[in-house]
Amino acid sequence: FFATGLPITEPYWATVKVAGEFRDVLVQCF
């Protein structure tokens, strides 16, 4: 976990705009 640190949220899917297009992206924050 040197680079990321420990997880502080759960993983969630989200609808994210990427390069102008909306996509399903799984996001989790450490």
mmCIF file of all heavy atoms, coordinates in Angstrom:
data_MODEL
# 
_entry.id   MODEL 
# 
loop_
_atom_site.group_PDB 
_atom_site.id 
_atom_site.type_symbol 
_atom_site.label_atom_id 
_atom_site.label_alt_id 
_atom_site.label_comp_id 
_atom_site.label_asym_id 
_atom_site.label_entity_id 
_atom_site.label_seq_id 
_atom_site.pdbx_PDB_ins_code 
_atom_site.Cartn_x 
_atom_site.Cartn_y 
_atom_site.Cartn_z 
_atom_site.occupancy 
_atom_site.B_iso_or_equiv 
_atom_site.pdbx_formal_charge 
_atom_site.auth_seq_id 
_atom_site.auth_comp_id 
_atom_site.auth_asym_id 
_atom_site.auth_atom_id 
_atom_site.pdbx_PDB_model_num 
ATOM 1   N N   . PHE A 1 1  ? 0.815   -1.214 0.000   1.00 0.00 ? 1  PHE A N   1 
ATOM 2   C CA  . PHE A 1 1  ? 0.000   0.000  0.000   1.00 0.00 ? 1  PHE A CA  1 
ATOM 3   C C   . PHE A 1 1  ? 0.850   1.267  0.000   1.00 0.00 ? 1  PHE A C   1 
ATOM 4   O O   . PHE A 1 1  ? 0.378   2.330  0.395   1.00 0.00 ? 1  PHE A O   1 
ATOM 5   C CB  . PHE A 1 1  ? -0.946  -0.004 1.207   1.00 0.00 ? 1  PHE A CB  1 
ATOM 6   C CG  . PHE A 1 1  ? -2.004  -1.079 1.156   1.00 0.00 ? 1  PHE A CG  1 
ATOM 7   C CD1 . PHE A 1 1  ? -2.044  -2.087 2.105   1.00 0.00 ? 1  PHE A CD1 1 
ATOM 8   C CD2 . PHE A 1 1  ? -2.949  -1.079 0.141   1.00 0.00 ? 1  PHE A CD2 1 
ATOM 9   C CE1 . PHE A 1 1  ? -3.006  -3.075 2.049   1.00 0.00 ? 1  PHE A CE1 1 
ATOM 10  C CE2 . PHE A 1 1  ? -3.926  -2.064 0.079   1.00 0.00 ? 1  PHE A CE2 1 
ATOM 11  C CZ  . PHE A 1 1  ? -3.951  -3.067 1.035   1.00 0.00 ? 1  PHE A CZ  1 
ATOM 12  N N   . PHE A 1 2  ? 2.137   1.135  -0.426  1.00 0.00 ? 2  PHE A N   1 
ATOM 13  C CA  . PHE A 1 2  ? 3.016   2.311  -0.432  1.00 0.00 ? 2  PHE A CA  1 
ATOM 14  C C   . PHE A 1 2  ? 2.446   3.433  -1.278  1.00 0.00 ? 2  PHE A C   1 
ATOM 15  O O   . PHE A 1 2  ? 2.399   4.591  -0.855  1.00 0.00 ? 2  PHE A O   1 
ATOM 16  C CB  . PHE A 1 2  ? 4.402   1.929  -0.947  1.00 0.00 ? 2  PHE A CB  1 
ATOM 17  C CG  . PHE A 1 2  ? 5.321   3.107  -1.135  1.00 0.00 ? 2  PHE A CG  1 
ATOM 18  C CD1 . PHE A 1 2  ? 5.956   3.691  -0.052  1.00 0.00 ? 2  PHE A CD1 1 
ATOM 19  C CD2 . PHE A 1 2  ? 5.545   3.649  -2.399  1.00 0.00 ? 2  PHE A CD2 1 
ATOM 20  C CE1 . PHE A 1 2  ? 6.797   4.784  -0.211  1.00 0.00 ? 2  PHE A CE1 1 
ATOM 21  C CE2 . PHE A 1 2  ? 6.386   4.735  -2.571  1.00 0.00 ? 2  PHE A CE2 1 
ATOM 22  C CZ  . PHE A 1 2  ? 7.017   5.305  -1.475  1.00 0.00 ? 2  PHE A CZ  1 
ATOM 23  N N   . ALA A 1 3  ? 2.007   3.134  -2.476  1.00 0.00 ? 3  ALA A N   1 
ATOM 24  C CA  . ALA A 1 3  ? 1.531   4.173  -3.391  1.00 0.00 ? 3  ALA A CA  1 
ATOM 25  C C   . ALA A 1 3  ? 0.099   4.580  -3.109  1.00 0.00 ? 3  ALA A C   1 
ATOM 26  O O   . ALA A 1 3  ? -0.248  5.760  -3.210  1.00 0.00 ? 3  ALA A O   1 
ATOM 27  C CB  . ALA A 1 3  ? 1.661   3.698  -4.840  1.00 0.00 ? 3  ALA A CB  1 
ATOM 28  N N   . THR A 1 4  ? -0.737  3.631  -2.759  1.00 0.00 ? 4  THR A N   1 
ATOM 29  C CA  . THR A 1 4  ? -2.174  3.925  -2.660  1.00 0.00 ? 4  THR A CA  1 
ATOM 30  C C   . THR A 1 4  ? -2.639  4.294  -1.262  1.00 0.00 ? 4  THR A C   1 
ATOM 31  O O   . THR A 1 4  ? -3.620  5.027  -1.108  1.00 0.00 ? 4  THR A O   1 
ATOM 32  C CB  . THR A 1 4  ? -2.998  2.704  -3.111  1.00 0.00 ? 4  THR A CB  1 
ATOM 33  O OG1 . THR A 1 4  ? -2.732  1.609  -2.226  1.00 0.00 ? 4  THR A OG1 1 
ATOM 34  C CG2 . THR A 1 4  ? -2.661  2.329  -4.538  1.00 0.00 ? 4  THR A CG2 1 
ATOM 35  N N   . GLY A 1 5  ? -1.958  3.788  -0.229  1.00 0.00 ? 5  GLY A N   1 
ATOM 36  C CA  . GLY A 1 5  ? -2.529  3.870  1.098   1.00 0.00 ? 5  GLY A CA  1 
ATOM 37  C C   . GLY A 1 5  ? -3.643  2.839  1.233   1.00 0.00 ? 5  GLY A C   1 
ATOM 38  O O   . GLY A 1 5  ? -3.944  2.073  0.307   1.00 0.00 ? 5  GLY A O   1 
ATOM 39  N N   . LEU A 1 6  ? -4.260  2.796  2.375   1.00 0.00 ? 6  LEU A N   1 
ATOM 40  C CA  . LEU A 1 6  ? -5.328  1.835  2.649   1.00 0.00 ? 6  LEU A CA  1 
ATOM 41  C C   . LEU A 1 6  ? -6.641  2.295  2.031   1.00 0.00 ? 6  LEU A C   1 
ATOM 42  O O   . LEU A 1 6  ? -6.858  3.503  1.833   1.00 0.00 ? 6  LEU A O   1 
ATOM 43  C CB  . LEU A 1 6  ? -5.490  1.655  4.158   1.00 0.00 ? 6  LEU A CB  1 
ATOM 44  C CG  . LEU A 1 6  ? -4.289  1.067  4.896   1.00 0.00 ? 6  LEU A CG  1 
ATOM 45  C CD1 . LEU A 1 6  ? -4.497  1.151  6.404   1.00 0.00 ? 6  LEU A CD1 1 
ATOM 46  C CD2 . LEU A 1 6  ? -4.038  -0.377 4.475   1.00 0.00 ? 6  LEU A CD2 1 
ATOM 47  N N   . PRO A 1 7  ? -7.560  1.374  1.736   1.00 0.00 ? 7  PRO A N   1 
ATOM 48  C CA  . PRO A 1 7  ? -8.855  1.791  1.191   1.00 0.00 ? 7  PRO A CA  1 
ATOM 49  C C   . PRO A 1 7  ? -9.671  2.549  2.230   1.00 0.00 ? 7  PRO A C   1 
ATOM 50  O O   . PRO A 1 7  ? -9.721  2.161  3.393   1.00 0.00 ? 7  PRO A O   1 
ATOM 51  C CB  . PRO A 1 7  ? -9.519  0.462  0.825   1.00 0.00 ? 7  PRO A CB  1 
ATOM 52  C CG  . PRO A 1 7  ? -8.888  -0.542 1.738   1.00 0.00 ? 7  PRO A CG  1 
ATOM 53  C CD  . PRO A 1 7  ? -7.468  -0.086 1.916   1.00 0.00 ? 7  PRO A CD  1 
ATOM 54  N N   . ILE A 1 8  ? -10.323 3.635  1.794   1.00 0.00 ? 8  ILE A N   1 
ATOM 55  C CA  . ILE A 1 8  ? -11.156 4.424  2.720   1.00 0.00 ? 8  ILE A CA  1 
ATOM 56  C C   . ILE A 1 8  ? -12.600 4.528  2.226   1.00 0.00 ? 8  ILE A C   1 
ATOM 57  O O   . ILE A 1 8  ? -13.440 5.127  2.891   1.00 0.00 ? 8  ILE A O   1 
ATOM 58  C CB  . ILE A 1 8  ? -10.581 5.836  2.961   1.00 0.00 ? 8  ILE A CB  1 
ATOM 59  C CG1 . ILE A 1 8  ? -10.406 6.594  1.653   1.00 0.00 ? 8  ILE A CG1 1 
ATOM 60  C CG2 . ILE A 1 8  ? -9.264  5.746  3.729   1.00 0.00 ? 8  ILE A CG2 1 
ATOM 61  C CD1 . ILE A 1 8  ? -9.955  8.052  1.855   1.00 0.00 ? 8  ILE A CD1 1 
ATOM 62  N N   . THR A 1 9  ? -12.891 3.937  1.043   1.00 0.00 ? 9  THR A N   1 
ATOM 63  C CA  . THR A 1 9  ? -14.268 3.850  0.562   1.00 0.00 ? 9  THR A CA  1 
ATOM 64  C C   . THR A 1 9  ? -14.490 2.450  0.005   1.00 0.00 ? 9  THR A C   1 
ATOM 65  O O   . THR A 1 9  ? -13.549 1.677  -0.199  1.00 0.00 ? 9  THR A O   1 
ATOM 66  C CB  . THR A 1 9  ? -14.568 4.867  -0.556  1.00 0.00 ? 9  THR A CB  1 
ATOM 67  O OG1 . THR A 1 9  ? -13.951 4.429  -1.776  1.00 0.00 ? 9  THR A OG1 1 
ATOM 68  C CG2 . THR A 1 9  ? -14.091 6.263  -0.200  1.00 0.00 ? 9  THR A CG2 1 
ATOM 69  N N   . GLU A 1 10 ? -15.730 2.149  -0.237  1.00 0.00 ? 10 GLU A N   1 
ATOM 70  C CA  . GLU A 1 10 ? -16.078 0.939  -0.958  1.00 0.00 ? 10 GLU A CA  1 
ATOM 71  C C   . GLU A 1 10 ? -15.928 1.182  -2.464  1.00 0.00 ? 10 GLU A C   1 
ATOM 72  O O   . GLU A 1 10 ? -15.891 2.335  -2.906  1.00 0.00 ? 10 GLU A O   1 
ATOM 73  C CB  . GLU A 1 10 ? -17.516 0.534  -0.628  1.00 0.00 ? 10 GLU A CB  1 
ATOM 74  C CG  . GLU A 1 10 ? -17.712 0.079  0.804   1.00 0.00 ? 10 GLU A CG  1 
ATOM 75  C CD  . GLU A 1 10 ? -16.842 -1.125 1.127   1.00 0.00 ? 10 GLU A CD  1 
ATOM 76  O OE1 . GLU A 1 10 ? -17.035 -2.186 0.493   1.00 0.00 ? 10 GLU A OE1 1 
ATOM 77  O OE2 . GLU A 1 10 ? -15.952 -1.010 1.986   1.00 0.00 ? 10 GLU A OE2 1 
ATOM 78  N N   . PRO A 1 11 ? -15.837 0.132  -3.257  1.00 0.00 ? 11 PRO A N   1 
ATOM 79  C CA  . PRO A 1 11 ? -15.842 0.304  -4.711  1.00 0.00 ? 11 PRO A CA  1 
ATOM 80  C C   . PRO A 1 11 ? -17.272 0.525  -5.217  1.00 0.00 ? 11 PRO A C   1 
ATOM 81  O O   . PRO A 1 11 ? -18.197 -0.186 -4.807  1.00 0.00 ? 11 PRO A O   1 
ATOM 82  C CB  . PRO A 1 11 ? -15.259 -1.018 -5.223  1.00 0.00 ? 11 PRO A CB  1 
ATOM 83  C CG  . PRO A 1 11 ? -15.523 -2.005 -4.144  1.00 0.00 ? 11 PRO A CG  1 
ATOM 84  C CD  . PRO A 1 11 ? -15.571 -1.254 -2.848  1.00 0.00 ? 11 PRO A CD  1 
ATOM 85  N N   . TYR A 1 12 ? -17.429 1.506  -6.106  1.00 0.00 ? 12 TYR A N   1 
ATOM 86  C CA  . TYR A 1 12 ? -18.744 1.835  -6.653  1.00 0.00 ? 12 TYR A CA  1 
ATOM 87  C C   . TYR A 1 12 ? -18.634 1.991  -8.168  1.00 0.00 ? 12 TYR A C   1 
ATOM 88  O O   . TYR A 1 12 ? -17.644 2.533  -8.681  1.00 0.00 ? 12 TYR A O   1 
ATOM 89  C CB  . TYR A 1 12 ? -19.272 3.158  -6.089  1.00 0.00 ? 12 TYR A CB  1 
ATOM 90  C CG  . TYR A 1 12 ? -19.468 3.184  -4.591  1.00 0.00 ? 12 TYR A CG  1 
ATOM 91  C CD1 . TYR A 1 12 ? -18.449 3.655  -3.748  1.00 0.00 ? 12 TYR A CD1 1 
ATOM 92  C CD2 . TYR A 1 12 ? -20.672 2.781  -4.015  1.00 0.00 ? 12 TYR A CD2 1 
ATOM 93  C CE1 . TYR A 1 12 ? -18.635 3.701  -2.372  1.00 0.00 ? 12 TYR A CE1 1 
ATOM 94  C CE2 . TYR A 1 12 ? -20.864 2.827  -2.635  1.00 0.00 ? 12 TYR A CE2 1 
ATOM 95  C CZ  . TYR A 1 12 ? -19.833 3.282  -1.825  1.00 0.00 ? 12 TYR A CZ  1 
ATOM 96  O OH  . TYR A 1 12 ? -20.007 3.330  -0.466  1.00 0.00 ? 12 TYR A OH  1 
ATOM 97  N N   . TRP A 1 13 ? -19.672 1.541  -8.850  1.00 0.00 ? 13 TRP A N   1 
ATOM 98  C CA  . TRP A 1 13 ? -19.807 1.905  -10.250 1.00 0.00 ? 13 TRP A CA  1 
ATOM 99  C C   . TRP A 1 13 ? -20.317 3.337  -10.338 1.00 0.00 ? 13 TRP A C   1 
ATOM 100 O O   . TRP A 1 13 ? -21.020 3.825  -9.438  1.00 0.00 ? 13 TRP A O   1 
ATOM 101 C CB  . TRP A 1 13 ? -20.780 0.972  -10.971 1.00 0.00 ? 13 TRP A CB  1 
ATOM 102 C CG  . TRP A 1 13 ? -20.231 -0.404 -11.186 1.00 0.00 ? 13 TRP A CG  1 
ATOM 103 C CD1 . TRP A 1 13 ? -20.500 -1.515 -10.436 1.00 0.00 ? 13 TRP A CD1 1 
ATOM 104 C CD2 . TRP A 1 13 ? -19.337 -0.804 -12.214 1.00 0.00 ? 13 TRP A CD2 1 
ATOM 105 N NE1 . TRP A 1 13 ? -19.818 -2.602 -10.920 1.00 0.00 ? 13 TRP A NE1 1 
ATOM 106 C CE2 . TRP A 1 13 ? -19.083 -2.190 -12.030 1.00 0.00 ? 13 TRP A CE2 1 
ATOM 107 C CE3 . TRP A 1 13 ? -18.705 -0.162 -13.275 1.00 0.00 ? 13 TRP A CE3 1 
ATOM 108 C CZ2 . TRP A 1 13 ? -18.252 -2.921 -12.858 1.00 0.00 ? 13 TRP A CZ2 1 
ATOM 109 C CZ3 . TRP A 1 13 ? -17.879 -0.884 -14.105 1.00 0.00 ? 13 TRP A CZ3 1 
ATOM 110 C CH2 . TRP A 1 13 ? -17.649 -2.243 -13.896 1.00 0.00 ? 13 TRP A CH2 1 
ATOM 111 N N   . ALA A 1 14 ? -19.961 4.021  -11.407 1.00 0.00 ? 14 ALA A N   1 
ATOM 112 C CA  . ALA A 1 14 ? -20.440 5.382  -11.633 1.00 0.00 ? 14 ALA A CA  1 
ATOM 113 C C   . ALA A 1 14 ? -20.517 5.628  -13.134 1.00 0.00 ? 14 ALA A C   1 
ATOM 114 O O   . ALA A 1 14 ? -19.793 5.008  -13.926 1.00 0.00 ? 14 ALA A O   1 
ATOM 115 C CB  . ALA A 1 14 ? -19.519 6.403  -10.984 1.00 0.00 ? 14 ALA A CB  1 
ATOM 116 N N   . THR A 1 15 ? -21.407 6.514  -13.512 1.00 0.00 ? 15 THR A N   1 
ATOM 117 C CA  . THR A 1 15 ? -21.470 6.962  -14.902 1.00 0.00 ? 15 THR A CA  1 
ATOM 118 C C   . THR A 1 15 ? -20.574 8.176  -15.032 1.00 0.00 ? 15 THR A C   1 
ATOM 119 O O   . THR A 1 15 ? -20.834 9.225  -14.429 1.00 0.00 ? 15 THR A O   1 
ATOM 120 C CB  . THR A 1 15 ? -22.912 7.311  -15.306 1.00 0.00 ? 15 THR A CB  1 
ATOM 121 O OG1 . THR A 1 15 ? -23.745 6.169  -15.098 1.00 0.00 ? 15 THR A OG1 1 
ATOM 122 C CG2 . THR A 1 15 ? -22.971 7.732  -16.768 1.00 0.00 ? 15 THR A CG2 1 
ATOM 123 N N   . VAL A 1 16 ? -19.497 8.017  -15.793 1.00 0.00 ? 16 VAL A N   1 
ATOM 124 C CA  . VAL A 1 16 ? -18.439 9.022  -15.839 1.00 0.00 ? 16 VAL A CA  1 
ATOM 125 C C   . VAL A 1 16 ? -18.232 9.483  -17.282 1.00 0.00 ? 16 VAL A C   1 
ATOM 126 O O   . VAL A 1 16 ? -18.215 8.659  -18.213 1.00 0.00 ? 16 VAL A O   1 
ATOM 127 C CB  . VAL A 1 16 ? -17.119 8.450  -15.268 1.00 0.00 ? 16 VAL A CB  1 
ATOM 128 C CG1 . VAL A 1 16 ? -15.981 9.433  -15.438 1.00 0.00 ? 16 VAL A CG1 1 
ATOM 129 C CG2 . VAL A 1 16 ? -17.296 8.088  -13.797 1.00 0.00 ? 16 VAL A CG2 1 
ATOM 130 N N   . LYS A 1 17 ? -18.067 10.774 -17.451 1.00 0.00 ? 17 LYS A N   1 
ATOM 131 C CA  . LYS A 1 17 ? -17.776 11.334 -18.774 1.00 0.00 ? 17 LYS A CA  1 
ATOM 132 C C   . LYS A 1 17 ? -16.268 11.244 -19.025 1.00 0.00 ? 17 LYS A C   1 
ATOM 133 O O   . LYS A 1 17 ? -15.476 11.852 -18.308 1.00 0.00 ? 17 LYS A O   1 
ATOM 134 C CB  . LYS A 1 17 ? -18.236 12.785 -18.838 1.00 0.00 ? 17 LYS A CB  1 
ATOM 135 C CG  . LYS A 1 17 ? -18.052 13.452 -20.200 1.00 0.00 ? 17 LYS A CG  1 
ATOM 136 C CD  . LYS A 1 17 ? -18.512 14.911 -20.140 1.00 0.00 ? 17 LYS A CD  1 
ATOM 137 C CE  . LYS A 1 17 ? -18.269 15.611 -21.464 1.00 0.00 ? 17 LYS A CE  1 
ATOM 138 N NZ  . LYS A 1 17 ? -18.615 17.063 -21.393 1.00 0.00 ? 17 LYS A NZ  1 
ATOM 139 N N   . VAL A 1 18 ? -15.879 10.474 -20.030 1.00 0.00 ? 18 VAL A N   1 
ATOM 140 C CA  . VAL A 1 18 ? -14.479 10.273 -20.362 1.00 0.00 ? 18 VAL A CA  1 
ATOM 141 C C   . VAL A 1 18 ? -14.267 10.628 -21.833 1.00 0.00 ? 18 VAL A C   1 
ATOM 142 O O   . VAL A 1 18 ? -14.894 10.007 -22.709 1.00 0.00 ? 18 VAL A O   1 
ATOM 143 C CB  . VAL A 1 18 ? -14.032 8.813  -20.106 1.00 0.00 ? 18 VAL A CB  1 
ATOM 144 C CG1 . VAL A 1 18 ? -12.558 8.645  -20.449 1.00 0.00 ? 18 VAL A CG1 1 
ATOM 145 C CG2 . VAL A 1 18 ? -14.301 8.414  -18.668 1.00 0.00 ? 18 VAL A CG2 1 
ATOM 146 N N   . ALA A 1 19 ? -13.426 11.632 -22.078 1.00 0.00 ? 19 ALA A N   1 
ATOM 147 C CA  . ALA A 1 19 ? -13.162 12.091 -23.453 1.00 0.00 ? 19 ALA A CA  1 
ATOM 148 C C   . ALA A 1 19 ? -14.461 12.407 -24.172 1.00 0.00 ? 19 ALA A C   1 
ATOM 149 O O   . ALA A 1 19 ? -14.636 12.100 -25.355 1.00 0.00 ? 19 ALA A O   1 
ATOM 150 C CB  . ALA A 1 19 ? -12.343 11.061 -24.208 1.00 0.00 ? 19 ALA A CB  1 
ATOM 151 N N   . GLY A 1 20 ? -15.405 12.986 -23.441 1.00 0.00 ? 20 GLY A N   1 
ATOM 152 C CA  . GLY A 1 20 ? -16.669 13.421 -24.036 1.00 0.00 ? 20 GLY A CA  1 
ATOM 153 C C   . GLY A 1 20 ? -17.742 12.360 -24.105 1.00 0.00 ? 20 GLY A C   1 
ATOM 154 O O   . GLY A 1 20 ? -18.877 12.651 -24.500 1.00 0.00 ? 20 GLY A O   1 
ATOM 155 N N   . GLU A 1 21 ? -17.426 11.112 -23.732 1.00 0.00 ? 21 GLU A N   1 
ATOM 156 C CA  . GLU A 1 21 ? -18.405 10.037 -23.774 1.00 0.00 ? 21 GLU A CA  1 
ATOM 157 C C   . GLU A 1 21 ? -18.688 9.535  -22.354 1.00 0.00 ? 21 GLU A C   1 
ATOM 158 O O   . GLU A 1 21 ? -17.792 9.460  -21.513 1.00 0.00 ? 21 GLU A O   1 
ATOM 159 C CB  . GLU A 1 21 ? -17.877 8.875  -24.626 1.00 0.00 ? 21 GLU A CB  1 
ATOM 160 C CG  . GLU A 1 21 ? -17.637 9.225  -26.092 1.00 0.00 ? 21 GLU A CG  1 
ATOM 161 C CD  . GLU A 1 21 ? -17.166 8.019  -26.884 1.00 0.00 ? 21 GLU A CD  1 
ATOM 162 O OE1 . GLU A 1 21 ? -17.038 6.925  -26.271 1.00 0.00 ? 21 GLU A OE1 1 
ATOM 163 O OE2 . GLU A 1 21 ? -16.903 8.167  -28.083 1.00 0.00 ? 21 GLU A OE2 1 
ATOM 164 N N   . PHE A 1 22 ? -19.943 9.148  -22.119 1.00 0.00 ? 22 PHE A N   1 
ATOM 165 C CA  . PHE A 1 22 ? -20.329 8.638  -20.805 1.00 0.00 ? 22 PHE A CA  1 
ATOM 166 C C   . PHE A 1 22 ? -20.136 7.131  -20.769 1.00 0.00 ? 22 PHE A C   1 
ATOM 167 O O   . PHE A 1 22 ? -20.599 6.400  -21.664 1.00 0.00 ? 22 PHE A O   1 
ATOM 168 C CB  . PHE A 1 22 ? -21.781 9.013  -20.492 1.00 0.00 ? 22 PHE A CB  1 
ATOM 169 C CG  . PHE A 1 22 ? -21.947 10.486 -20.212 1.00 0.00 ? 22 PHE A CG  1 
ATOM 170 C CD1 . PHE A 1 22 ? -22.291 11.364 -21.238 1.00 0.00 ? 22 PHE A CD1 1 
ATOM 171 C CD2 . PHE A 1 22 ? -21.726 10.992 -18.943 1.00 0.00 ? 22 PHE A CD2 1 
ATOM 172 C CE1 . PHE A 1 22 ? -22.427 12.714 -20.992 1.00 0.00 ? 22 PHE A CE1 1 
ATOM 173 C CE2 . PHE A 1 22 ? -21.864 12.345 -18.689 1.00 0.00 ? 22 PHE A CE2 1 
ATOM 174 C CZ  . PHE A 1 22 ? -22.211 13.215 -19.723 1.00 0.00 ? 22 PHE A CZ  1 
ATOM 175 N N   . ARG A 1 23 ? -19.423 6.663  -19.717 1.00 0.00 ? 23 ARG A N   1 
ATOM 176 C CA  . ARG A 1 23 ? -19.093 5.254  -19.605 1.00 0.00 ? 23 ARG A CA  1 
ATOM 177 C C   . ARG A 1 23 ? -19.353 4.769  -18.185 1.00 0.00 ? 23 ARG A C   1 
ATOM 178 O O   . ARG A 1 23 ? -19.354 5.553  -17.228 1.00 0.00 ? 23 ARG A O   1 
ATOM 179 C CB  . ARG A 1 23 ? -17.622 5.008  -19.949 1.00 0.00 ? 23 ARG A CB  1 
ATOM 180 C CG  . ARG A 1 23 ? -17.179 5.518  -21.309 1.00 0.00 ? 23 ARG A CG  1 
ATOM 181 C CD  . ARG A 1 23 ? -15.697 5.228  -21.509 1.00 0.00 ? 23 ARG A CD  1 
ATOM 182 N NE  . ARG A 1 23 ? -15.187 5.811  -22.745 1.00 0.00 ? 23 ARG A NE  1 
ATOM 183 C CZ  . ARG A 1 23 ? -13.932 5.719  -23.145 1.00 0.00 ? 23 ARG A CZ  1 
ATOM 184 N NH1 . ARG A 1 23 ? -13.045 5.064  -22.392 1.00 0.00 ? 23 ARG A NH1 1 
ATOM 185 N NH2 . ARG A 1 23 ? -13.540 6.275  -24.282 1.00 0.00 ? 23 ARG A NH2 1 
ATOM 186 N N   . ASP A 1 24 ? -19.506 3.457  -18.052 1.00 0.00 ? 24 ASP A N   1 
ATOM 187 C CA  . ASP A 1 24 ? -19.546 2.847  -16.730 1.00 0.00 ? 24 ASP A CA  1 
ATOM 188 C C   . ASP A 1 24 ? -18.112 2.622  -16.258 1.00 0.00 ? 24 ASP A C   1 
ATOM 189 O O   . ASP A 1 24 ? -17.322 1.948  -16.925 1.00 0.00 ? 24 ASP A O   1 
ATOM 190 C CB  . ASP A 1 24 ? -20.273 1.501  -16.783 1.00 0.00 ? 24 ASP A CB  1 
ATOM 191 C CG  . ASP A 1 24 ? -21.782 1.675  -16.855 1.00 0.00 ? 24 ASP A CG  1 
ATOM 192 O OD1 . ASP A 1 24 ? -22.287 2.672  -16.295 1.00 0.00 ? 24 ASP A OD1 1 
ATOM 193 O OD2 . ASP A 1 24 ? -22.440 0.839  -17.492 1.00 0.00 ? 24 ASP A OD2 1 
ATOM 194 N N   . VAL A 1 25 ? -17.795 3.194  -15.109 1.00 0.00 ? 25 VAL A N   1 
ATOM 195 C CA  . VAL A 1 25 ? -16.451 3.105  -14.551 1.00 0.00 ? 25 VAL A CA  1 
ATOM 196 C C   . VAL A 1 25 ? -16.556 2.699  -13.081 1.00 0.00 ? 25 VAL A C   1 
ATOM 197 O O   . VAL A 1 25 ? -17.370 3.269  -12.342 1.00 0.00 ? 25 VAL A O   1 
ATOM 198 C CB  . VAL A 1 25 ? -15.697 4.439  -14.673 1.00 0.00 ? 25 VAL A CB  1 
ATOM 199 C CG1 . VAL A 1 25 ? -14.325 4.350  -14.007 1.00 0.00 ? 25 VAL A CG1 1 
ATOM 200 C CG2 . VAL A 1 25 ? -15.544 4.846  -16.135 1.00 0.00 ? 25 VAL A CG2 1 
ATOM 201 N N   . LEU A 1 26 ? -15.768 1.730  -12.668 1.00 0.00 ? 26 LEU A N   1 
ATOM 202 C CA  . LEU A 1 26 ? -15.705 1.350  -11.256 1.00 0.00 ? 26 LEU A CA  1 
ATOM 203 C C   . LEU A 1 26 ? -14.670 2.242  -10.570 1.00 0.00 ? 26 LEU A C   1 
ATOM 204 O O   . LEU A 1 26 ? -13.544 2.388  -11.054 1.00 0.00 ? 26 LEU A O   1 
ATOM 205 C CB  . LEU A 1 26 ? -15.310 -0.115 -11.111 1.00 0.00 ? 26 LEU A CB  1 
ATOM 206 C CG  . LEU A 1 26 ? -15.371 -0.684 -9.685  1.00 0.00 ? 26 LEU A CG  1 
ATOM 207 C CD1 . LEU A 1 26 ? -16.833 -0.841 -9.239  1.00 0.00 ? 26 LEU A CD1 1 
ATOM 208 C CD2 . LEU A 1 26 ? -14.643 -2.023 -9.595  1.00 0.00 ? 26 LEU A CD2 1 
ATOM 209 N N   . VAL A 1 27 ? -15.054 2.840  -9.443  1.00 0.00 ? 27 VAL A N   1 
ATOM 210 C CA  . VAL A 1 27 ? -14.193 3.791  -8.742  1.00 0.00 ? 27 VAL A CA  1 
ATOM 211 C C   . VAL A 1 27 ? -14.051 3.358  -7.287  1.00 0.00 ? 27 VAL A C   1 
ATOM 212 O O   . VAL A 1 27 ? -15.050 2.997  -6.638  1.00 0.00 ? 27 VAL A O   1 
ATOM 213 C CB  . VAL A 1 27 ? -14.777 5.220  -8.793  1.00 0.00 ? 27 VAL A CB  1 
ATOM 214 C CG1 . VAL A 1 27 ? -13.882 6.188  -8.031  1.00 0.00 ? 27 VAL A CG1 1 
ATOM 215 C CG2 . VAL A 1 27 ? -14.961 5.681  -10.226 1.00 0.00 ? 27 VAL A CG2 1 
ATOM 216 N N   . GLN A 1 28 ? -12.812 3.387  -6.774  1.00 0.00 ? 28 GLN A N   1 
ATOM 217 C CA  . GLN A 1 28 ? -12.586 3.171  -5.345  1.00 0.00 ? 28 GLN A CA  1 
ATOM 218 C C   . GLN A 1 28 ? -11.454 4.071  -4.892  1.00 0.00 ? 28 GLN A C   1 
ATOM 219 O O   . GLN A 1 28 ? -10.413 4.170  -5.551  1.00 0.00 ? 28 GLN A O   1 
ATOM 220 C CB  . GLN A 1 28 ? -12.241 1.713  -5.048  1.00 0.00 ? 28 GLN A CB  1 
ATOM 221 C CG  . GLN A 1 28 ? -12.017 1.468  -3.551  1.00 0.00 ? 28 GLN A CG  1 
ATOM 222 C CD  . GLN A 1 28 ? -11.967 0.017  -3.172  1.00 0.00 ? 28 GLN A CD  1 
ATOM 223 O OE1 . GLN A 1 28 ? -11.802 -0.857 -4.023  1.00 0.00 ? 28 GLN A OE1 1 
ATOM 224 N NE2 . GLN A 1 28 ? -12.127 -0.265 -1.876  1.00 0.00 ? 28 GLN A NE2 1 
ATOM 225 N N   . CYS A 1 29 ? -11.654 4.725  -3.740  1.00 0.00 ? 29 CYS A N   1 
ATOM 226 C CA  . CYS A 1 29 ? -10.657 5.653  -3.216  1.00 0.00 ? 29 CYS A CA  1 
ATOM 227 C C   . CYS A 1 29 ? -9.906  5.052  -2.040  1.00 0.00 ? 29 CYS A C   1 
ATOM 228 O O   . CYS A 1 29 ? -10.491 4.426  -1.147  1.00 0.00 ? 29 CYS A O   1 
ATOM 229 C CB  . CYS A 1 29 ? -11.316 6.971  -2.806  1.00 0.00 ? 29 CYS A CB  1 
ATOM 230 S SG  . CYS A 1 29 ? -11.843 7.967  -4.221  1.00 0.00 ? 29 CYS A SG  1 
ATOM 231 N N   . PHE A 1 30 ? -8.600  5.251  -2.075  1.00 0.00 ? 30 PHE A N   1 
ATOM 232 C CA  . PHE A 1 30 ? -7.684  4.867  -1.008  1.00 0.00 ? 30 PHE A CA  1 
ATOM 233 C C   . PHE A 1 30 ? -7.153  6.161  -0.385  1.00 0.00 ? 30 PHE A C   1 
ATOM 234 O O   . PHE A 1 30 ? -7.474  7.254  -0.835  1.00 0.00 ? 30 PHE A O   1 
ATOM 235 C CB  . PHE A 1 30 ? -6.552  4.022  -1.579  1.00 0.00 ? 30 PHE A CB  1 
ATOM 236 C CG  . PHE A 1 30 ? -6.991  2.695  -2.137  1.00 0.00 ? 30 PHE A CG  1 
ATOM 237 C CD1 . PHE A 1 30 ? -7.778  2.620  -3.288  1.00 0.00 ? 30 PHE A CD1 1 
ATOM 238 C CD2 . PHE A 1 30 ? -6.612  1.520  -1.525  1.00 0.00 ? 30 PHE A CD2 1 
ATOM 239 C CE1 . PHE A 1 30 ? -8.181  1.399  -3.808  1.00 0.00 ? 30 PHE A CE1 1 
ATOM 240 C CE2 . PHE A 1 30 ? -7.008  0.282  -2.039  1.00 0.00 ? 30 PHE A CE2 1 
ATOM 241 C CZ  . PHE A 1 30 ? -7.798  0.229  -3.182  1.00 0.00 ? 30 PHE A CZ  1 
# 
